Amino acid sequence: MDEAELSRAFPIGDGACLEAVIGRYGQALLRYCHHILCDYHEAQDAVQDALLRAWSRRNLFRAGTNLEAWLYKLAYHACIDLLRQRRRQLFAPPRRPGTTQITSGRSCGRPCPSSRWRSGAWSSDGDGGPLL
């Protein structure tokens, strides 16, 4: 299927059309999301989310318009959603002792700020006491 045929067939909801879209744009969307997120697994999640959004909202797509641009827009927004999620996890207040710590499974190689806070590594007078 060429791009014009995909653009016309996608809103109808043909399963073969979805496979063609994934085959044609999947790897390019993955590279795009990886460039934004700098994490391969999160990029895979973003592409999957973008394709699911595209499929579930295919009735909103206007046949004959640029399908590729629409998919990239959905992928961009999926990446932004993941970055917001990452930011919320990074800047979440320290948990109280005895509560469950949520981890994202990613590591940037630096110690977690909240773990240094709990250990007393950040202090006002250098003696290991808390700042507050």
Protein backbone atom coordinates (compact mmCIF):
# COMPACT_ATOMS: atom_id res chain seq x y z
CA MET A 1 0.00 0.00 0.00
CA ASP A 2 1.28 3.44 -0.81
CA GLU A 3 0.80 6.41 1.50
CA ALA A 4 -2.34 7.70 -0.24
CA GLU A 5 -4.03 4.29 0.02
CA LEU A 6 -3.05 4.02 3.70
CA SER A 7 -4.43 7.47 4.34
CA ARG A 8 -7.77 6.52 2.77
CA ALA A 9 -8.01 3.04 4.33
CA PHE A 10 -6.90 3.88 7.88
CA PRO A 11 -10.13 5.59 9.04
CA ILE A 12 -12.19 2.64 7.78
CA GLY A 13 -10.44 0.35 10.26
CA ASP A 14 -8.98 -2.44 8.16
CA GLY A 15 -6.69 -4.70 10.24
CA ALA A 16 -4.34 -5.18 7.31
CA CYS A 17 -4.06 -1.41 7.09
CA LEU A 18 -2.90 -1.25 10.72
CA GLU A 19 -0.22 -3.84 10.01
CA ALA A 20 0.89 -1.82 6.99
CA VAL A 21 1.05 1.37 9.10
CA ILE A 22 3.15 -0.38 11.75
CA GLY A 23 5.44 -1.86 9.10
CA ARG A 24 5.85 1.42 7.28
CA TYR A 25 6.19 3.89 10.19
CA GLY A 26 7.01 1.79 13.28
CA GLN A 27 10.81 1.96 13.16
CA ALA A 28 10.89 5.65 12.24
CA LEU A 29 8.54 6.45 15.13
CA LEU A 30 10.73 4.39 17.46
CA ARG A 31 13.84 6.36 16.43
CA TYR A 32 11.93 9.63 16.86
CA CYS A 33 10.70 8.71 20.35
CA HIS A 34 14.12 7.40 21.36
CA HIS A 35 15.63 10.73 20.31
CA ILE A 36 13.19 12.57 22.58
CA LEU A 37 13.25 10.20 25.57
CA CYS A 38 16.84 8.85 25.45
CA ASP A 39 15.52 5.53 26.72
CA TYR A 40 14.82 2.63 24.38
CA HIS A 41 12.19 0.93 26.53
CA GLU A 42 10.28 4.13 27.16
CA ALA A 43 10.46 4.86 23.42
CA GLN A 44 8.88 1.47 22.73
CA ASP A 45 6.12 2.31 25.21
CA ALA A 46 5.56 5.70 23.57
CA VAL A 47 5.30 4.20 20.09
CA GLN A 48 2.90 1.54 21.30
CA ASP A 49 0.81 4.19 23.04
CA ALA A 50 0.82 6.41 19.93
CA LEU A 51 -0.27 3.54 17.69
CA LEU A 52 -3.01 2.55 20.14
CA ARG A 53 -4.21 6.15 20.24
CA ALA A 54 -4.15 6.31 16.45
CA TRP A 55 -6.15 3.10 16.14
CA SER A 56 -8.71 4.06 18.78
CA ARG A 57 -9.11 7.56 17.29
CA ARG A 58 -8.99 6.55 13.65
CA ASN A 59 -12.49 7.94 13.14
CA LEU A 60 -11.06 11.42 13.93
CA PHE A 61 -8.46 11.13 11.17
CA ARG A 62 -9.53 12.84 7.96
CA ALA A 63 -8.99 10.56 4.99
CA GLY A 64 -6.64 12.02 2.44
CA THR A 65 -4.60 14.07 4.93
CA ASN A 66 -1.03 13.28 5.95
CA LEU A 67 -1.15 10.09 8.04
CA GLU A 68 2.58 10.21 8.80
CA ALA A 69 2.37 13.71 10.27
CA TRP A 70 -0.60 12.66 12.41
CA LEU A 71 1.29 9.62 13.73
CA TYR A 72 4.33 11.75 14.57
CA LYS A 73 2.08 14.19 16.42
CA LEU A 74 0.57 11.36 18.46
CA ALA A 75 4.06 9.95 19.16
CA TYR A 76 5.28 13.37 20.28
CA HIS A 77 2.40 13.71 22.72
CA ALA A 78 2.99 10.18 24.04
CA CYS A 79 6.63 11.15 24.69
CA ILE A 80 5.61 14.33 26.46
CA ASP A 81 3.25 12.32 28.67
CA LEU A 82 6.11 9.97 29.60
CA LEU A 83 8.44 12.89 30.33
CA ARG A 84 5.82 14.42 32.62
CA GLN A 85 5.45 11.08 34.38
CA ARG A 86 9.23 10.85 34.77
CA ARG A 87 9.39 14.38 36.18
CA ARG A 88 6.66 13.63 38.73
CA GLN A 89 8.56 10.54 39.87
CA LEU A 90 11.87 12.38 40.05
CA PHE A 91 10.59 15.33 42.04
CA ALA A 92 8.16 13.46 44.27
CA PRO A 93 8.63 14.26 47.96
CA PRO A 94 10.57 11.69 50.00
CA ARG A 95 8.43 8.84 51.27
CA ARG A 96 7.93 8.22 54.95
CA PRO A 97 9.73 5.21 56.43
CA GLY A 98 7.66 2.06 56.10
CA THR A 99 5.83 3.15 52.94
CA THR A 100 6.33 1.60 49.55
CA GLN A 101 8.78 3.33 47.22
CA ILE A 102 7.71 3.41 43.58
CA THR A 103 10.59 2.91 41.18
CA SER A 104 10.57 3.51 37.47
CA GLY A 105 13.21 0.88 36.72
CA ARG A 106 15.50 3.39 35.05
CA SER A 107 18.78 4.58 36.40
CA CYS A 108 20.74 7.59 35.28
CA GLY A 109 23.82 6.45 37.20
CA ARG A 110 23.48 9.12 39.90
CA PRO A 111 22.23 8.49 43.43
CA CYS A 112 18.58 9.25 43.93
CA PRO A 113 18.09 12.64 45.64
CA SER A 114 15.44 11.25 47.98
CA SER A 115 17.80 8.50 49.22
CA ARG A 116 20.46 11.10 50.10
CA TRP A 117 17.80 13.11 51.89
CA ARG A 118 16.72 10.14 54.02
CA SER A 119 20.31 9.20 54.82
CA GLY A 120 21.07 12.72 56.07
CA ALA A 121 23.69 13.38 53.38
CA TRP A 122 22.19 16.83 52.78
CA SER A 123 22.48 18.87 55.91
CA SER A 124 22.57 22.46 56.99
CA ASP A 125 25.59 22.22 59.26
CA GLY A 126 27.54 19.33 57.72
CA ASP A 127 26.92 16.96 60.63
CA GLY A 128 24.44 14.81 58.77
CA GLY A 129 21.37 16.32 60.39
CA PRO A 130 18.32 17.27 58.37
CA LEU A 131 17.94 20.70 56.83
CA LEU A 132 14.57 21.37 58.47
